[in-house]
């Protein structure tokens, strides 16, 4: 049904006369009368009856007016959203991230949003080399996996992988530990799907090392709880809890294990410019939260096609 006819009908109902409604709508009175007759004919309903010099809604007209106003409201809302999308701005922002990133980085970042920012909707995604599906469901993906060329991305931070021990541990006065020494301890490990575990396994494989004993748990907070209880050294990338002391892990070359964190989005996204700005804000937030040492190097301060993951 033509929404224009519904708008004309509502105007006549509001004004009470065709002449007054025609003036409001900036059309002629005969043209408006024809439109109302056409609407009544199409519906098979009498919408108005005369009451003196005014038009009064019939009972069916009053009920149809309620439905018409709802249709006009939805149509107006759809037009407004279309205009917003065409302008490249966003009313809502969906963000997807793996569990640790969501809890430690995305949620605290969302807490800094103002009323002028899009309404955020955050959800957990699995860590996967292929982010196409996730980016079709989310505007912005925060992930340690660099996106393919059909996506734009920004390097947010370079973050360390920690070996976490209680303050009573013999390593508590140190700031780093080598892989060989680490393997002499019981290691509390997160699942292999997490980036910190993948990086540790790769480094151990390159050094031809294997831990003496391991305990695998479902997520990082539990690993830290067990470390605090003296059950071993928790290896993860999470923010530290339970007053644990974090040490950087050095590989066989003496370099700290670390990984890159990216923001990624579809290149054809209508709000690409706004998403780039949001990613840049998140990059600044990461630097403020974790210190300048985690900031991307100047040569990496670019979009995906110019940045290189060297981890």
C-alpha atoms as a PDB file:
ATOM      1  CA  UNK A   1       0.000   0.000   0.000  1.00  0.00           C
ATOM      2  CA  UNK A   2       1.260   3.459  -0.933  1.00  0.00           C
ATOM      3  CA  UNK A   3       2.440   5.168   2.242  1.00  0.00           C
ATOM      4  CA  UNK A   4       1.544   8.528   0.661  1.00  0.00           C
ATOM      5  CA  UNK A   5      -2.159   7.631   0.836  1.00  0.00           C
ATOM      6  CA  UNK A   6      -1.768   6.707   4.490  1.00  0.00           C
ATOM      7  CA  UNK A   7      -0.112  10.059   5.150  1.00  0.00           C
ATOM      8  CA  UNK A   8      -2.988  11.882   3.436  1.00  0.00           C
ATOM      9  CA  UNK A   9      -5.541   9.884   5.434  1.00  0.00           C
ATOM     10  CA  UNK A  10      -3.811  10.691   8.734  1.00  0.00           C
ATOM     11  CA  UNK A  11      -3.657  14.395   7.841  1.00  0.00           C
ATOM     12  CA  UNK A  12      -7.399  14.550   7.134  1.00  0.00           C
ATOM     13  CA  UNK A  13      -8.108  12.716  10.389  1.00  0.00           C
ATOM     14  CA  UNK A  14      -5.910  15.181  12.301  1.00  0.00           C
ATOM     15  CA  UNK A  15      -7.273  18.361  10.655  1.00  0.00           C
ATOM     16  CA  UNK A  16     -10.910  17.317  10.498  1.00  0.00           C
ATOM     17  CA  UNK A  17     -11.492  18.800   7.023  1.00  0.00           C
ATOM     18  CA  UNK A  18     -10.124  18.118   3.560  1.00  0.00           C
ATOM     19  CA  UNK A  19      -9.412  21.809   2.967  1.00  0.00           C
ATOM     20  CA  UNK A  20      -7.324  22.179   6.125  1.00  0.00           C
ATOM     21  CA  UNK A  21      -5.447  18.946   5.438  1.00  0.00           C
ATOM     22  CA  UNK A  22      -4.819  20.010   1.803  1.00  0.00           C
ATOM     23  CA  UNK A  23      -3.273  23.241   3.025  1.00  0.00           C
ATOM     24  CA  UNK A  24      -1.039  21.342   5.447  1.00  0.00           C
ATOM     25  CA  UNK A  25       0.012  18.883   2.746  1.00  0.00           C
ATOM     26  CA  UNK A  26       0.485  21.627   0.121  1.00  0.00           C
ATOM     27  CA  UNK A  27      -1.817  19.984  -2.432  1.00  0.00           C
ATOM     28  CA  UNK A  28      -5.177  21.032  -3.835  1.00  0.00           C
ATOM     29  CA  UNK A  29      -8.435  20.150  -2.113  1.00  0.00           C
ATOM     30  CA  UNK A  30      -9.898  18.241  -5.120  1.00  0.00           C
ATOM     31  CA  UNK A  31      -6.689  16.206  -5.452  1.00  0.00           C
ATOM     32  CA  UNK A  32      -6.783  15.256  -1.777  1.00  0.00           C
ATOM     33  CA  UNK A  33     -10.465  14.320  -1.961  1.00  0.00           C
ATOM     34  CA  UNK A  34      -9.682  11.986  -4.882  1.00  0.00           C
ATOM     35  CA  UNK A  35      -6.846  10.381  -2.905  1.00  0.00           C
ATOM     36  CA  UNK A  36      -9.091   9.682   0.099  1.00  0.00           C
ATOM     37  CA  UNK A  37     -11.807   8.213  -2.155  1.00  0.00           C
ATOM     38  CA  UNK A  38      -9.175   6.040  -3.837  1.00  0.00           C
ATOM     39  CA  UNK A  39      -7.962   4.788  -0.446  1.00  0.00           C
ATOM     40  CA  UNK A  40     -11.508   3.960   0.683  1.00  0.00           C
ATOM     41  CA  UNK A  41     -12.128   2.140  -2.605  1.00  0.00           C
ATOM     42  CA  UNK A  42      -8.916   0.127  -2.284  1.00  0.00           C
ATOM     43  CA  UNK A  43      -9.718  -0.828   1.305  1.00  0.00           C
ATOM     44  CA  UNK A  44     -13.415  -1.412   0.783  1.00  0.00           C
ATOM     45  CA  UNK A  45     -14.056   0.722   3.884  1.00  0.00           C
ATOM     46  CA  UNK A  46     -15.785   3.995   4.703  1.00  0.00           C
ATOM     47  CA  UNK A  47     -13.200   5.895   6.713  1.00  0.00           C
ATOM     48  CA  UNK A  48     -15.111   9.133   7.405  1.00  0.00           C
ATOM     49  CA  UNK A  49     -18.661  10.344   7.935  1.00  0.00           C
ATOM     50  CA  UNK A  50     -19.788  13.943   7.904  1.00  0.00           C
ATOM     51  CA  UNK A  51     -20.587  15.732  11.137  1.00  0.00           C
ATOM     52  CA  UNK A  52     -21.550  19.300  10.288  1.00  0.00           C
ATOM     53  CA  UNK A  53     -18.611  20.960   8.537  1.00  0.00           C
ATOM     54  CA  UNK A  54     -16.116  18.370   9.723  1.00  0.00           C
ATOM     55  CA  UNK A  55     -15.187  14.820   8.809  1.00  0.00           C
ATOM     56  CA  UNK A  56     -15.426  12.322  11.645  1.00  0.00           C
ATOM     57  CA  UNK A  57     -13.740   8.948  11.634  1.00  0.00           C
ATOM     58  CA  UNK A  58     -15.982   5.911  11.459  1.00  0.00           C
ATOM     59  CA  UNK A  59     -15.233   3.088  13.903  1.00  0.00           C
ATOM     60  CA  UNK A  60     -13.359   1.191  11.201  1.00  0.00           C
ATOM     61  CA  UNK A  61     -11.614   4.417  10.183  1.00  0.00           C
ATOM     62  CA  UNK A  62     -10.438   4.979  13.761  1.00  0.00           C
ATOM     63  CA  UNK A  63      -9.038   1.450  13.969  1.00  0.00           C
ATOM     64  CA  UNK A  64      -7.340   1.765  10.582  1.00  0.00           C
ATOM     65  CA  UNK A  65      -5.836   5.121  11.616  1.00  0.00           C
ATOM     66  CA  UNK A  66      -4.002   3.408  14.483  1.00  0.00           C
ATOM     67  CA  UNK A  67      -2.479   0.890  12.068  1.00  0.00           C
ATOM     68  CA  UNK A  68      -1.672   3.640   9.560  1.00  0.00           C
ATOM     69  CA  UNK A  69       0.235   5.676  12.133  1.00  0.00           C
ATOM     70  CA  UNK A  70       2.359   2.630  13.018  1.00  0.00           C
ATOM     71  CA  UNK A  71       3.134   1.979   9.341  1.00  0.00           C
ATOM     72  CA  UNK A  72       4.072   5.646   8.841  1.00  0.00           C
ATOM     73  CA  UNK A  73       6.288   5.549  11.928  1.00  0.00           C
ATOM     74  CA  UNK A  74       8.143   2.458  10.683  1.00  0.00           C
ATOM     75  CA  UNK A  75       8.492   3.967   7.210  1.00  0.00           C
ATOM     76  CA  UNK A  76       9.889   7.194   8.651  1.00  0.00           C
ATOM     77  CA  UNK A  77      12.322   5.211  10.791  1.00  0.00           C
ATOM     78  CA  UNK A  78      13.456   3.203   7.750  1.00  0.00           C
ATOM     79  CA  UNK A  79      14.035   6.412   5.777  1.00  0.00           C
ATOM     80  CA  UNK A  80      16.057   7.875   8.640  1.00  0.00           C
ATOM     81  CA  UNK A  81      18.233   4.745   8.884  1.00  0.00           C
ATOM     82  CA  UNK A  82      18.750   4.737   5.110  1.00  0.00           C
ATOM     83  CA  UNK A  83      19.894   8.367   5.233  1.00  0.00           C
ATOM     84  CA  UNK A  84      22.243   7.518   8.106  1.00  0.00           C
ATOM     85  CA  UNK A  85      23.727   4.574   6.225  1.00  0.00           C
ATOM     86  CA  UNK A  86      24.142   6.587   3.043  1.00  0.00           C
ATOM     87  CA  UNK A  87      26.034   9.275   4.958  1.00  0.00           C
ATOM     88  CA  UNK A  88      28.529   6.695   6.302  1.00  0.00           C
ATOM     89  CA  UNK A  89      27.566   7.193   9.939  1.00  0.00           C
ATOM     90  CA  UNK A  90      26.454   4.432  12.299  1.00  0.00           C
ATOM     91  CA  UNK A  91      23.775   4.328  14.991  1.00  0.00           C
ATOM     92  CA  UNK A  92      24.880   0.893  16.250  1.00  0.00           C
ATOM     93  CA  UNK A  93      28.275  -0.794  16.376  1.00  0.00           C
ATOM     94  CA  UNK A  94      28.688  -4.565  16.647  1.00  0.00           C
ATOM     95  CA  UNK A  95      32.086  -5.739  17.900  1.00  0.00           C
ATOM     96  CA  UNK A  96      33.341  -9.319  17.971  1.00  0.00           C
ATOM     97  CA  UNK A  97      36.420 -10.524  19.856  1.00  0.00           C
ATOM     98  CA  UNK A  98      37.846 -13.709  21.423  1.00  0.00           C
ATOM     99  CA  UNK A  99      37.060 -14.141  25.111  1.00  0.00           C
ATOM    100  CA  UNK A 100      40.277 -12.775  26.630  1.00  0.00           C
ATOM    101  CA  UNK A 101      40.381  -9.770  24.296  1.00  0.00           C
ATOM    102  CA  UNK A 102      36.716  -9.079  24.920  1.00  0.00           C
ATOM    103  CA  UNK A 103      37.122  -9.075  28.710  1.00  0.00           C
ATOM    104  CA  UNK A 104      40.509  -7.346  29.021  1.00  0.00           C
ATOM    105  CA  UNK A 105      40.356  -4.830  26.167  1.00  0.00           C
ATOM    106  CA  UNK A 106      37.003  -4.444  24.415  1.00  0.00           C
ATOM    107  CA  UNK A 107      34.795  -4.170  27.505  1.00  0.00           C
ATOM    108  CA  UNK A 108      37.010  -1.522  29.200  1.00  0.00           C
ATOM    109  CA  UNK A 109      37.162   0.365  25.879  1.00  0.00           C
ATOM    110  CA  UNK A 110      33.368   0.346  25.535  1.00  0.00           C
ATOM    111  CA  UNK A 111      33.177   1.851  29.030  1.00  0.00           C
ATOM    112  CA  UNK A 112      34.820   5.000  27.604  1.00  0.00           C
ATOM    113  CA  UNK A 113      32.061   5.583  25.006  1.00  0.00           C
ATOM    114  CA  UNK A 114      30.091   8.823  25.136  1.00  0.00           C
ATOM    115  CA  UNK A 115      26.452   9.491  24.231  1.00  0.00           C
ATOM    116  CA  UNK A 116      27.629  10.642  20.808  1.00  0.00           C
ATOM    117  CA  UNK A 117      29.136   7.248  19.986  1.00  0.00           C
ATOM    118  CA  UNK A 118      27.175   4.439  18.310  1.00  0.00           C
ATOM    119  CA  UNK A 119      25.375   2.053  20.632  1.00  0.00           C
ATOM    120  CA  UNK A 120      27.825  -0.861  21.124  1.00  0.00           C
ATOM    121  CA  UNK A 121      26.813  -4.509  20.872  1.00  0.00           C
ATOM    122  CA  UNK A 122      29.664  -6.846  21.875  1.00  0.00           C
ATOM    123  CA  UNK A 123      29.858 -10.617  21.474  1.00  0.00           C
ATOM    124  CA  UNK A 124      32.450 -13.371  21.779  1.00  0.00           C
ATOM    125  CA  UNK A 125      33.853 -15.044  18.670  1.00  0.00           C
ATOM    126  CA  UNK A 126      36.163 -18.023  18.256  1.00  0.00           C
ATOM    127  CA  UNK A 127      39.772 -17.443  17.267  1.00  0.00           C
ATOM    128  CA  UNK A 128      39.965 -18.449  13.623  1.00  0.00           C
ATOM    129  CA  UNK A 129      42.309 -17.718  10.712  1.00  0.00           C
ATOM    130  CA  UNK A 130      39.231 -16.986   8.581  1.00  0.00           C
ATOM    131  CA  UNK A 131      37.292 -13.947   9.805  1.00  0.00           C
ATOM    132  CA  UNK A 132      34.961 -13.555   6.809  1.00  0.00           C
ATOM    133  CA  UNK A 133      31.966 -15.078   8.585  1.00  0.00           C
ATOM    134  CA  UNK A 134      32.563 -13.064  11.758  1.00  0.00           C
ATOM    135  CA  UNK A 135      32.938  -9.819   9.799  1.00  0.00           C
ATOM    136  CA  UNK A 136      29.627 -10.473   8.050  1.00  0.00           C
ATOM    137  CA  UNK A 137      27.970 -10.587  11.482  1.00  0.00           C
ATOM    138  CA  UNK A 138      29.992  -7.783  13.083  1.00  0.00           C
ATOM    139  CA  UNK A 139      31.067  -4.307  12.069  1.00  0.00           C
ATOM    140  CA  UNK A 140      34.444  -4.536  13.807  1.00  0.00           C
ATOM    141  CA  UNK A 141      36.505  -7.612  14.673  1.00  0.00           C
ATOM    142  CA  UNK A 142      39.291  -7.433  17.291  1.00  0.00           C
ATOM    143  CA  UNK A 143      41.612 -10.379  16.757  1.00  0.00           C
ATOM    144  CA  UNK A 144      45.249 -11.542  16.845  1.00  0.00           C
ATOM    145  CA  UNK A 145      44.755 -12.898  13.328  1.00  0.00           C
ATOM    146  CA  UNK A 146      45.696 -10.538  10.505  1.00  0.00           C
ATOM    147  CA  UNK A 147      42.877 -10.131   8.003  1.00  0.00           C
ATOM    148  CA  UNK A 148      42.984 -11.106   4.333  1.00  0.00           C
ATOM    149  CA  UNK A 149      43.146  -8.475   1.591  1.00  0.00           C
ATOM    150  CA  UNK A 150      39.368  -8.193   1.268  1.00  0.00           C
ATOM    151  CA  UNK A 151      39.363  -6.605   4.724  1.00  0.00           C
ATOM    152  CA  UNK A 152      40.881  -3.411   6.045  1.00  0.00           C
ATOM    153  CA  UNK A 153      42.680  -3.640   9.378  1.00  0.00           C
ATOM    154  CA  UNK A 154      44.732  -1.621  11.794  1.00  0.00           C
ATOM    155  CA  UNK A 155      47.484  -2.933  14.054  1.00  0.00           C
ATOM    156  CA  UNK A 156      46.373  -1.987  17.570  1.00  0.00           C
ATOM    157  CA  UNK A 157      49.126  -3.252  19.853  1.00  0.00           C
ATOM    158  CA  UNK A 158      51.928  -5.751  20.304  1.00  0.00           C
ATOM    159  CA  UNK A 159      51.212  -7.615  23.521  1.00  0.00           C
ATOM    160  CA  UNK A 160      53.411  -9.971  25.574  1.00  0.00           C
ATOM    161  CA  UNK A 161      52.722 -13.519  26.662  1.00  0.00           C
ATOM    162  CA  UNK A 162      53.247 -13.828  30.399  1.00  0.00           C
ATOM    163  CA  UNK A 163      54.513 -16.461  32.778  1.00  0.00           C
ATOM    164  CA  UNK A 164      52.577 -15.625  35.960  1.00  0.00           C
ATOM    165  CA  UNK A 165      53.814 -16.686  39.410  1.00  0.00           C
ATOM    166  CA  UNK A 166      52.824 -15.849  42.998  1.00  0.00           C
ATOM    167  CA  UNK A 167      54.778 -13.154  44.832  1.00  0.00           C
ATOM    168  CA  UNK A 168      56.310 -15.879  46.989  1.00  0.00           C
ATOM    169  CA  UNK A 169      57.839 -17.636  43.974  1.00  0.00           C
ATOM    170  CA  UNK A 170      61.613 -17.612  43.464  1.00  0.00           C
ATOM    171  CA  UNK A 171      61.104 -15.750  40.185  1.00  0.00           C
ATOM    172  CA  UNK A 172      59.089 -12.946  41.746  1.00  0.00           C
ATOM    173  CA  UNK A 173      62.051 -10.541  41.646  1.00  0.00           C
ATOM    174  CA  UNK A 174      62.671 -11.128  37.936  1.00  0.00           C
ATOM    175  CA  UNK A 175      61.050  -9.520  34.907  1.00  0.00           C
ATOM    176  CA  UNK A 176      61.684 -12.324  32.408  1.00  0.00           C
ATOM    177  CA  UNK A 177      62.350 -16.044  32.149  1.00  0.00           C
ATOM    178  CA  UNK A 178      63.803 -18.194  29.362  1.00  0.00           C
ATOM    179  CA  UNK A 179      62.029 -21.163  27.808  1.00  0.00           C
ATOM    180  CA  UNK A 180      64.460 -23.712  29.204  1.00  0.00           C
ATOM    181  CA  UNK A 181      63.879 -22.585  32.792  1.00  0.00           C
ATOM    182  CA  UNK A 182      60.144 -22.391  32.167  1.00  0.00           C
ATOM    183  CA  UNK A 183      60.057 -26.035  31.084  1.00  0.00           C
ATOM    184  CA  UNK A 184      61.455 -27.080  34.469  1.00  0.00           C
ATOM    185  CA  UNK A 185      58.232 -25.886  36.125  1.00  0.00           C
ATOM    186  CA  UNK A 186      54.712 -27.259  36.048  1.00  0.00           C
ATOM    187  CA  UNK A 187      52.956 -25.146  33.431  1.00  0.00           C
ATOM    188  CA  UNK A 188      49.283 -24.219  33.671  1.00  0.00           C
ATOM    189  CA  UNK A 189      48.104 -23.794  30.087  1.00  0.00           C
ATOM    190  CA  UNK A 190      45.030 -22.393  28.371  1.00  0.00           C
ATOM    191  CA  UNK A 191      43.437 -24.300  25.442  1.00  0.00           C
ATOM    192  CA  UNK A 192      45.279 -24.595  22.136  1.00  0.00           C
ATOM    193  CA  UNK A 193      42.705 -22.369  20.419  1.00  0.00           C
ATOM    194  CA  UNK A 194      44.093 -19.350  22.291  1.00  0.00           C
ATOM    195  CA  UNK A 195      46.864 -17.302  20.703  1.00  0.00           C
ATOM    196  CA  UNK A 196      49.145 -17.360  23.764  1.00  0.00           C
ATOM    197  CA  UNK A 197      49.113 -21.179  23.770  1.00  0.00           C
ATOM    198  CA  UNK A 198      49.796 -21.313  20.042  1.00  0.00           C
ATOM    199  CA  UNK A 199      52.759 -18.968  20.413  1.00  0.00           C
ATOM    200  CA  UNK A 200      54.181 -20.966  23.329  1.00  0.00           C
ATOM    201  CA  UNK A 201      53.801 -24.287  21.503  1.00  0.00           C
ATOM    202  CA  UNK A 202      55.492 -22.866  18.401  1.00  0.00           C
ATOM    203  CA  UNK A 203      58.419 -21.491  20.425  1.00  0.00           C
ATOM    204  CA  UNK A 204      58.884 -24.774  22.288  1.00  0.00           C
ATOM    205  CA  UNK A 205      58.820 -26.688  19.028  1.00  0.00           C
ATOM    206  CA  UNK A 206      61.471 -24.431  17.472  1.00  0.00           C
ATOM    207  CA  UNK A 207      63.683 -24.838  20.560  1.00  0.00           C
ATOM    208  CA  UNK A 208      63.044 -28.594  20.683  1.00  0.00           C
ATOM    209  CA  UNK A 209      61.830 -28.267  24.271  1.00  0.00           C
ATOM    210  CA  UNK A 210      58.943 -29.827  26.179  1.00  0.00           C
ATOM    211  CA  UNK A 211      57.528 -28.916  29.610  1.00  0.00           C
ATOM    212  CA  UNK A 212      58.191 -31.414  32.391  1.00  0.00           C
ATOM    213  CA  UNK A 213      54.572 -31.239  33.524  1.00  0.00           C
ATOM    214  CA  UNK A 214      51.439 -29.435  32.284  1.00  0.00           C
ATOM    215  CA  UNK A 215      47.957 -28.707  33.553  1.00  0.00           C
ATOM    216  CA  UNK A 216      45.442 -27.564  30.937  1.00  0.00           C
ATOM    217  CA  UNK A 217      42.452 -25.486  32.013  1.00  0.00           C
ATOM    218  CA  UNK A 218      39.487 -24.008  30.148  1.00  0.00           C
ATOM    219  CA  UNK A 219      40.297 -20.292  30.519  1.00  0.00           C
ATOM    220  CA  UNK A 220      42.872 -17.804  31.763  1.00  0.00           C
ATOM    221  CA  UNK A 221      41.309 -16.699  35.027  1.00  0.00           C
ATOM    222  CA  UNK A 222      41.246 -20.285  36.268  1.00  0.00           C
ATOM    223  CA  UNK A 223      44.886 -20.754  35.196  1.00  0.00           C
ATOM    224  CA  UNK A 224      45.844 -17.738  37.304  1.00  0.00           C
ATOM    225  CA  UNK A 225      43.849 -19.012  40.277  1.00  0.00           C
ATOM    226  CA  UNK A 226      45.791 -22.295  40.185  1.00  0.00           C
ATOM    227  CA  UNK A 227      49.074 -20.389  39.884  1.00  0.00           C
ATOM    228  CA  UNK A 228      48.114 -18.303  42.915  1.00  0.00           C
ATOM    229  CA  UNK A 229      47.471 -21.582  44.752  1.00  0.00           C
ATOM    230  CA  UNK A 230      51.027 -22.697  43.993  1.00  0.00           C
ATOM    231  CA  UNK A 231      50.133 -25.390  41.455  1.00  0.00           C
ATOM    232  CA  UNK A 232      52.455 -24.109  38.728  1.00  0.00           C
ATOM    233  CA  UNK A 233      53.251 -21.227  36.368  1.00  0.00           C
ATOM    234  CA  UNK A 234      50.319 -19.841  34.361  1.00  0.00           C
ATOM    235  CA  UNK A 235      51.217 -19.030  30.742  1.00  0.00           C
ATOM    236  CA  UNK A 236      48.777 -16.675  29.074  1.00  0.00           C
ATOM    237  CA  UNK A 237      48.190 -13.198  27.638  1.00  0.00           C
ATOM    238  CA  UNK A 238      45.448 -12.117  30.056  1.00  0.00           C
ATOM    239  CA  UNK A 239      45.647  -9.179  32.430  1.00  0.00           C
ATOM    240  CA  UNK A 240      47.047 -10.483  35.728  1.00  0.00           C
ATOM    241  CA  UNK A 241      44.897 -11.146  38.797  1.00  0.00           C
ATOM    242  CA  UNK A 242      45.296 -12.645  42.281  1.00  0.00           C
ATOM    243  CA  UNK A 243      48.396 -10.477  42.918  1.00  0.00           C
ATOM    244  CA  UNK A 244      50.443 -12.616  40.551  1.00  0.00           C
ATOM    245  CA  UNK A 245      53.796 -11.436  39.214  1.00  0.00           C
ATOM    246  CA  UNK A 246      54.052 -11.512  35.369  1.00  0.00           C
ATOM    247  CA  UNK A 247      57.343 -12.333  33.616  1.00  0.00           C
ATOM    248  CA  UNK A 248      58.086 -11.983  29.931  1.00  0.00           C
ATOM    249  CA  UNK A 249      59.003 -15.278  28.269  1.00  0.00           C
ATOM    250  CA  UNK A 250      62.223 -15.226  26.213  1.00  0.00           C
ATOM    251  CA  UNK A 251      62.648 -17.599  23.262  1.00  0.00           C
ATOM    252  CA  UNK A 252      65.919 -19.262  22.254  1.00  0.00           C
ATOM    253  CA  UNK A 253      67.042 -16.018  20.599  1.00  0.00           C
ATOM    254  CA  UNK A 254      66.383 -14.029  23.744  1.00  0.00           C
ATOM    255  CA  UNK A 255      63.339 -12.303  22.257  1.00  0.00           C
ATOM    256  CA  UNK A 256      60.122 -11.953  24.219  1.00  0.00           C
ATOM    257  CA  UNK A 257      57.129 -13.984  23.057  1.00  0.00           C
ATOM    258  CA  UNK A 258      54.466 -11.578  21.901  1.00  0.00           C
ATOM    259  CA  UNK A 259      51.625 -11.266  19.420  1.00  0.00           C
ATOM    260  CA  UNK A 260      49.967  -8.550  17.371  1.00  0.00           C
ATOM    261  CA  UNK A 261      46.375  -7.461  17.977  1.00  0.00           C
ATOM    262  CA  UNK A 262      44.369  -6.110  15.044  1.00  0.00           C
ATOM    263  CA  UNK A 263      41.077  -4.388  14.382  1.00  0.00           C
ATOM    264  CA  UNK A 264      39.526  -5.560  11.101  1.00  0.00           C
ATOM    265  CA  UNK A 265      36.450  -4.643   9.069  1.00  0.00           C
ATOM    266  CA  UNK A 266      35.069  -5.177   5.569  1.00  0.00           C
ATOM    267  CA  UNK A 267      36.506  -2.815   2.984  1.00  0.00           C
ATOM    268  CA  UNK A 268      33.046  -2.340   1.451  1.00  0.00           C
ATOM    269  CA  UNK A 269      31.422  -1.452   4.794  1.00  0.00           C
ATOM    270  CA  UNK A 270      29.296   1.689   4.478  1.00  0.00           C
ATOM    271  CA  UNK A 271      30.866   3.071   7.668  1.00  0.00           C
ATOM    272  CA  UNK A 272      34.506   2.319   6.810  1.00  0.00           C
ATOM    273  CA  UNK A 273      35.724   5.814   7.677  1.00  0.00           C
ATOM    274  CA  UNK A 274      33.956   5.683  11.036  1.00  0.00           C
ATOM    275  CA  UNK A 275      35.320   2.198  11.759  1.00  0.00           C
ATOM    276  CA  UNK A 276      38.855   3.364  11.010  1.00  0.00           C
ATOM    277  CA  UNK A 277      38.388   6.198  13.475  1.00  0.00           C
ATOM    278  CA  UNK A 278      37.049   3.751  16.084  1.00  0.00           C
ATOM    279  CA  UNK A 279      40.034   1.437  15.507  1.00  0.00           C
ATOM    280  CA  UNK A 280      42.434   4.360  15.955  1.00  0.00           C
ATOM    281  CA  UNK A 281      40.718   5.239  19.225  1.00  0.00           C
ATOM    282  CA  UNK A 282      41.060   1.633  20.370  1.00  0.00           C
ATOM    283  CA  UNK A 283      44.763   1.674  19.454  1.00  0.00           C
ATOM    284  CA  UNK A 284      45.251   4.784  21.604  1.00  0.00           C
ATOM    285  CA  UNK A 285      43.282   3.129  24.399  1.00  0.00           C
ATOM    286  CA  UNK A 286      45.547   0.050  24.292  1.00  0.00           C
ATOM    287  CA  UNK A 287      48.619   2.250  24.553  1.00  0.00           C
ATOM    288  CA  UNK A 288      47.125   4.114  27.515  1.00  0.00           C
ATOM    289  CA  UNK A 289      46.120   0.857  29.220  1.00  0.00           C
ATOM    290  CA  UNK A 290      49.275  -1.177  28.641  1.00  0.00           C
ATOM    291  CA  UNK A 291      51.978   1.438  28.124  1.00  0.00           C
ATOM    292  CA  UNK A 292      53.965   2.780  25.210  1.00  0.00           C
ATOM    293  CA  UNK A 293      55.980  -0.429  24.907  1.00  0.00           C
ATOM    294  CA  UNK A 294      52.913  -2.137  23.429  1.00  0.00           C
ATOM    295  CA  UNK A 295      52.313   0.547  20.795  1.00  0.00           C
ATOM    296  CA  UNK A 296      52.917  -0.405  17.139  1.00  0.00           C
ATOM    297  CA  UNK A 297      56.224   0.787  15.737  1.00  0.00           C
ATOM    298  CA  UNK A 298      55.942   3.868  13.466  1.00  0.00           C
ATOM    299  CA  UNK A 299      56.461   1.740  10.361  1.00  0.00           C
ATOM    300  CA  UNK A 300      53.540  -0.492  11.460  1.00  0.00           C
ATOM    301  CA  UNK A 301      51.177   2.428  12.094  1.00  0.00           C
ATOM    302  CA  UNK A 302      49.269   1.767   8.897  1.00  0.00           C
ATOM    303  CA  UNK A 303      46.456  -0.239   7.465  1.00  0.00           C
ATOM    304  CA  UNK A 304      46.794  -3.983   6.888  1.00  0.00           C
ATOM    305  CA  UNK A 305      48.277  -3.901   3.402  1.00  0.00           C
ATOM    306  CA  UNK A 306      51.370  -2.101   4.753  1.00  0.00           C
ATOM    307  CA  UNK A 307      51.815  -3.846   8.116  1.00  0.00           C
ATOM    308  CA  UNK A 308      53.744  -7.064   8.750  1.00  0.00           C
ATOM    309  CA  UNK A 309      53.203  -9.649  11.463  1.00  0.00           C
ATOM    310  CA  UNK A 310      56.653 -10.796  12.510  1.00  0.00           C
ATOM    311  CA  UNK A 311      55.667 -12.855  15.537  1.00  0.00           C
END
